[in-house]
Amino acid sequence: MSAETDQGRIVRGEPSMRLESRWRNVLFGIGDLLFLVAVGVVATLVMHGSHQLGWNFAITCLAGMAAAMLVQMVMAFCVAPILGSIESMVPSMFVGMVSPMAVCALHLLGHEPDCMLALAVGAMSGAAMFVFVQWHSIQCRSRMR
């Protein structure tokens, strides 16, 4: 015998609950990936834009990093009710710092990156952070068992 709810779902066996949980995990994973890629792209473009102003390199790096971190913080606060505050803030802080620094490193090496390269660097850093977070969560779950 299995108890049923008003919606007709089986509660005791819970096959539909497991399926809903899997879909929810997949959708949150897609949301996390898109969010981290968006943070990487926007923060990198902000830094790229600050380098286009032609100011002193040190001032450009300081102002660009402050602007990139401000944008990252606003984006993280906007998605915190949906994705969670810790889950969205901590990885996005890392992406919001590393991807703009990559543009500064390219400038230091004498390469003037264009807008498409800045986009690619931001997207790759966001995707790499997502992969790292997923790998880390798998490692944590396997150690807890």
C-alpha atoms as a PDB file:
ATOM      1  CA  MET A   1       0.000   0.000   0.000  1.00  0.00           C
ATOM      2  CA  SER A   2       1.184   3.476  -0.787  1.00  0.00           C
ATOM      3  CA  ALA A   3      -0.203   6.691   0.545  1.00  0.00           C
ATOM      4  CA  GLU A   4      -1.108   9.332  -2.027  1.00  0.00           C
ATOM      5  CA  THR A   5      -1.344  13.078  -1.675  1.00  0.00           C
ATOM      6  CA  ASP A   6      -3.935  15.343  -3.226  1.00  0.00           C
ATOM      7  CA  GLN A   7      -1.836  15.749  -6.356  1.00  0.00           C
ATOM      8  CA  GLY A   8      -1.716  11.979  -6.874  1.00  0.00           C
ATOM      9  CA  ARG A   9       1.983  11.586  -6.056  1.00  0.00           C
ATOM     10  CA  ILE A  10       3.168   8.504  -4.267  1.00  0.00           C
ATOM     11  CA  VAL A  11       4.625   9.617  -0.967  1.00  0.00           C
ATOM     12  CA  ARG A  12       5.853   6.406   0.618  1.00  0.00           C
ATOM     13  CA  GLY A  13       7.734   5.083  -2.440  1.00  0.00           C
ATOM     14  CA  GLU A  14       8.765   8.610  -3.465  1.00  0.00           C
ATOM     15  CA  PRO A  15       9.745   7.912  -7.098  1.00  0.00           C
ATOM     16  CA  SER A  16       8.302  11.212  -8.317  1.00  0.00           C
ATOM     17  CA  MET A  17       9.926  13.134  -5.459  1.00  0.00           C
ATOM     18  CA  ARG A  18      13.345  11.803  -6.448  1.00  0.00           C
ATOM     19  CA  LEU A  19      12.715  12.801 -10.059  1.00  0.00           C
ATOM     20  CA  GLU A  20      11.639  16.302  -8.991  1.00  0.00           C
ATOM     21  CA  SER A  21      14.730  16.586  -6.821  1.00  0.00           C
ATOM     22  CA  ARG A  22      16.975  15.608  -9.729  1.00  0.00           C
ATOM     23  CA  TRP A  23      15.333  18.142 -12.030  1.00  0.00           C
ATOM     24  CA  ARG A  24      15.645  20.796  -9.350  1.00  0.00           C
ATOM     25  CA  ASN A  25      19.354  20.016  -8.967  1.00  0.00           C
ATOM     26  CA  VAL A  26      19.860  20.195 -12.732  1.00  0.00           C
ATOM     27  CA  LEU A  27      18.034  23.521 -12.974  1.00  0.00           C
ATOM     28  CA  PHE A  28      19.984  25.000 -10.062  1.00  0.00           C
ATOM     29  CA  GLY A  29      23.205  23.750 -11.655  1.00  0.00           C
ATOM     30  CA  ILE A  30      22.325  25.492 -14.908  1.00  0.00           C
ATOM     31  CA  GLY A  31      21.495  28.641 -12.957  1.00  0.00           C
ATOM     32  CA  ASP A  32      24.799  28.494 -11.088  1.00  0.00           C
ATOM     33  CA  LEU A  33      26.735  28.017 -14.316  1.00  0.00           C
ATOM     34  CA  LEU A  34      24.983  30.874 -16.081  1.00  0.00           C
ATOM     35  CA  PHE A  35      25.424  33.146 -13.084  1.00  0.00           C
ATOM     36  CA  LEU A  36      29.156  32.480 -12.751  1.00  0.00           C
ATOM     37  CA  VAL A  37      29.683  32.937 -16.496  1.00  0.00           C
ATOM     38  CA  ALA A  38      27.707  36.202 -16.375  1.00  0.00           C
ATOM     39  CA  VAL A  39      29.765  37.487 -13.433  1.00  0.00           C
ATOM     40  CA  GLY A  40      32.986  36.595 -15.223  1.00  0.00           C
ATOM     41  CA  VAL A  41      31.907  38.269 -18.446  1.00  0.00           C
ATOM     42  CA  VAL A  42      30.593  41.452 -16.834  1.00  0.00           C
ATOM     43  CA  ALA A  43      33.530  41.876 -14.447  1.00  0.00           C
ATOM     44  CA  THR A  44      36.032  41.302 -17.243  1.00  0.00           C
ATOM     45  CA  LEU A  45      34.265  43.753 -19.526  1.00  0.00           C
ATOM     46  CA  VAL A  46      34.262  46.372 -16.767  1.00  0.00           C
ATOM     47  CA  MET A  47      38.015  45.944 -16.346  1.00  0.00           C
ATOM     48  CA  HIS A  48      38.526  45.982 -20.111  1.00  0.00           C
ATOM     49  CA  GLY A  49      36.534  49.224 -20.310  1.00  0.00           C
ATOM     50  CA  SER A  50      38.631  50.824 -17.601  1.00  0.00           C
ATOM     51  CA  HIS A  51      41.804  49.957 -19.517  1.00  0.00           C
ATOM     52  CA  GLN A  52      40.358  51.665 -22.583  1.00  0.00           C
ATOM     53  CA  LEU A  53      40.281  55.007 -20.739  1.00  0.00           C
ATOM     54  CA  GLY A  54      44.040  55.403 -21.141  1.00  0.00           C
ATOM     55  CA  TRP A  55      44.778  56.330 -17.531  1.00  0.00           C
ATOM     56  CA  ASN A  56      47.876  55.387 -15.551  1.00  0.00           C
ATOM     57  CA  PHE A  57      48.128  51.592 -15.242  1.00  0.00           C
ATOM     58  CA  ALA A  58      48.004  51.499 -11.436  1.00  0.00           C
ATOM     59  CA  ILE A  59      44.998  53.832 -11.270  1.00  0.00           C
ATOM     60  CA  THR A  60      43.295  51.871 -14.025  1.00  0.00           C
ATOM     61  CA  CYS A  61      43.784  48.597 -12.160  1.00  0.00           C
ATOM     62  CA  LEU A  62      42.537  50.010  -8.859  1.00  0.00           C
ATOM     63  CA  ALA A  63      39.500  51.740 -10.335  1.00  0.00           C
ATOM     64  CA  GLY A  64      38.686  48.824 -12.637  1.00  0.00           C
ATOM     65  CA  MET A  65      38.957  46.258  -9.836  1.00  0.00           C
ATOM     66  CA  ALA A  66      36.765  48.352  -7.544  1.00  0.00           C
ATOM     67  CA  ALA A  67      34.151  48.704 -10.286  1.00  0.00           C
ATOM     68  CA  ALA A  68      34.331  45.002 -11.186  1.00  0.00           C
ATOM     69  CA  MET A  69      33.909  43.965  -7.560  1.00  0.00           C
ATOM     70  CA  LEU A  70      31.005  46.367  -7.120  1.00  0.00           C
ATOM     71  CA  VAL A  71      29.265  44.886 -10.155  1.00  0.00           C
ATOM     72  CA  GLN A  72      29.918  41.365  -8.873  1.00  0.00           C
ATOM     73  CA  MET A  73      28.525  42.235  -5.453  1.00  0.00           C
ATOM     74  CA  VAL A  74      25.350  43.745  -6.907  1.00  0.00           C
ATOM     75  CA  MET A  75      24.838  40.709  -9.150  1.00  0.00           C
ATOM     76  CA  ALA A  76      25.364  38.326  -6.210  1.00  0.00           C
ATOM     77  CA  PHE A  77      22.885  40.214  -4.029  1.00  0.00           C
ATOM     78  CA  CYS A  78      20.324  40.068  -6.843  1.00  0.00           C
ATOM     79  CA  VAL A  79      20.488  36.282  -7.207  1.00  0.00           C
ATOM     80  CA  ALA A  80      20.969  35.483  -3.501  1.00  0.00           C
ATOM     81  CA  PRO A  81      17.238  34.881  -2.858  1.00  0.00           C
ATOM     82  CA  ILE A  82      17.154  32.355  -5.709  1.00  0.00           C
ATOM     83  CA  LEU A  83      20.545  30.618  -5.627  1.00  0.00           C
ATOM     84  CA  GLY A  84      21.469  31.213  -1.980  1.00  0.00           C
ATOM     85  CA  SER A  85      23.756  33.824  -0.489  1.00  0.00           C
ATOM     86  CA  ILE A  86      26.829  31.719   0.287  1.00  0.00           C
ATOM     87  CA  GLU A  87      26.464  29.587  -2.833  1.00  0.00           C
ATOM     88  CA  SER A  88      26.370  32.646  -5.079  1.00  0.00           C
ATOM     89  CA  MET A  89      28.598  35.122  -3.240  1.00  0.00           C
ATOM     90  CA  VAL A  90      31.748  33.117  -2.529  1.00  0.00           C
ATOM     91  CA  PRO A  91      32.439  31.599  -5.974  1.00  0.00           C
ATOM     92  CA  SER A  92      31.391  34.793  -7.724  1.00  0.00           C
ATOM     93  CA  MET A  93      33.808  36.822  -5.598  1.00  0.00           C
ATOM     94  CA  PHE A  94      36.649  34.662  -6.821  1.00  0.00           C
ATOM     95  CA  VAL A  95      35.499  34.952 -10.453  1.00  0.00           C
ATOM     96  CA  GLY A  96      34.958  38.690 -10.028  1.00  0.00           C
ATOM     97  CA  MET A  97      38.581  39.089  -8.931  1.00  0.00           C
ATOM     98  CA  VAL A  98      40.461  36.609 -11.107  1.00  0.00           C
ATOM     99  CA  SER A  99      38.898  37.303 -14.496  1.00  0.00           C
ATOM    100  CA  PRO A 100      39.540  41.089 -14.391  1.00  0.00           C
ATOM    101  CA  MET A 101      43.085  40.424 -13.190  1.00  0.00           C
ATOM    102  CA  ALA A 102      43.623  38.311 -16.300  1.00  0.00           C
ATOM    103  CA  VAL A 103      42.941  41.399 -18.429  1.00  0.00           C
ATOM    104  CA  CYS A 104      45.457  43.368 -16.348  1.00  0.00           C
ATOM    105  CA  ALA A 105      48.003  40.565 -16.733  1.00  0.00           C
ATOM    106  CA  LEU A 106      47.543  40.641 -20.505  1.00  0.00           C
ATOM    107  CA  HIS A 107      48.146  44.391 -20.460  1.00  0.00           C
ATOM    108  CA  LEU A 108      51.290  43.904 -18.380  1.00  0.00           C
ATOM    109  CA  LEU A 109      52.550  41.364 -20.919  1.00  0.00           C
ATOM    110  CA  GLY A 110      52.081  43.919 -23.682  1.00  0.00           C
ATOM    111  CA  HIS A 111      48.988  42.408 -25.297  1.00  0.00           C
ATOM    112  CA  GLU A 112      46.013  44.713 -25.749  1.00  0.00           C
ATOM    113  CA  PRO A 113      43.016  42.349 -25.548  1.00  0.00           C
ATOM    114  CA  ASP A 114      39.976  43.216 -27.606  1.00  0.00           C
ATOM    115  CA  CYS A 115      36.397  42.958 -26.374  1.00  0.00           C
ATOM    116  CA  MET A 116      35.905  39.387 -27.639  1.00  0.00           C
ATOM    117  CA  LEU A 117      39.012  38.124 -25.842  1.00  0.00           C
ATOM    118  CA  ALA A 118      37.818  39.797 -22.643  1.00  0.00           C
ATOM    119  CA  LEU A 119      34.441  38.085 -23.098  1.00  0.00           C
ATOM    120  CA  ALA A 120      36.116  34.724 -23.630  1.00  0.00           C
ATOM    121  CA  VAL A 121      38.373  35.114 -20.575  1.00  0.00           C
ATOM    122  CA  GLY A 122      35.381  36.021 -18.398  1.00  0.00           C
ATOM    123  CA  ALA A 123      33.258  33.150 -19.674  1.00  0.00           C
ATOM    124  CA  MET A 124      36.082  30.641 -19.239  1.00  0.00           C
ATOM    125  CA  SER A 125      36.825  31.791 -15.701  1.00  0.00           C
ATOM    126  CA  GLY A 126      33.153  31.508 -14.731  1.00  0.00           C
ATOM    127  CA  ALA A 127      32.849  28.053 -16.277  1.00  0.00           C
ATOM    128  CA  ALA A 128      36.095  26.924 -14.633  1.00  0.00           C
ATOM    129  CA  MET A 129      34.833  28.071 -11.226  1.00  0.00           C
ATOM    130  CA  PHE A 130      31.569  26.184 -11.782  1.00  0.00           C
ATOM    131  CA  VAL A 131      33.487  23.000 -12.615  1.00  0.00           C
ATOM    132  CA  PHE A 132      35.672  23.458  -9.541  1.00  0.00           C
ATOM    133  CA  VAL A 133      32.661  23.984  -7.245  1.00  0.00           C
ATOM    134  CA  GLN A 134      30.913  20.908  -8.655  1.00  0.00           C
ATOM    135  CA  TRP A 135      34.052  18.805  -8.271  1.00  0.00           C
ATOM    136  CA  HIS A 136      34.503  20.062  -4.717  1.00  0.00           C
ATOM    137  CA  SER A 137      30.906  19.222  -3.791  1.00  0.00           C
ATOM    138  CA  ILE A 138      31.315  15.686  -5.182  1.00  0.00           C
ATOM    139  CA  GLN A 139      34.491  15.253  -3.146  1.00  0.00           C
ATOM    140  CA  CYS A 140      32.787  16.520   0.012  1.00  0.00           C
ATOM    141  CA  ARG A 141      29.778  14.244  -0.438  1.00  0.00           C
ATOM    142  CA  SER A 142      31.973  11.192  -1.019  1.00  0.00           C
ATOM    143  CA  ARG A 143      34.004  11.922   2.135  1.00  0.00           C
ATOM    144  CA  MET A 144      30.872  12.386   4.229  1.00  0.00           C
ATOM    145  CA  ARG A 145      29.523   8.950   3.308  1.00  0.00           C
END
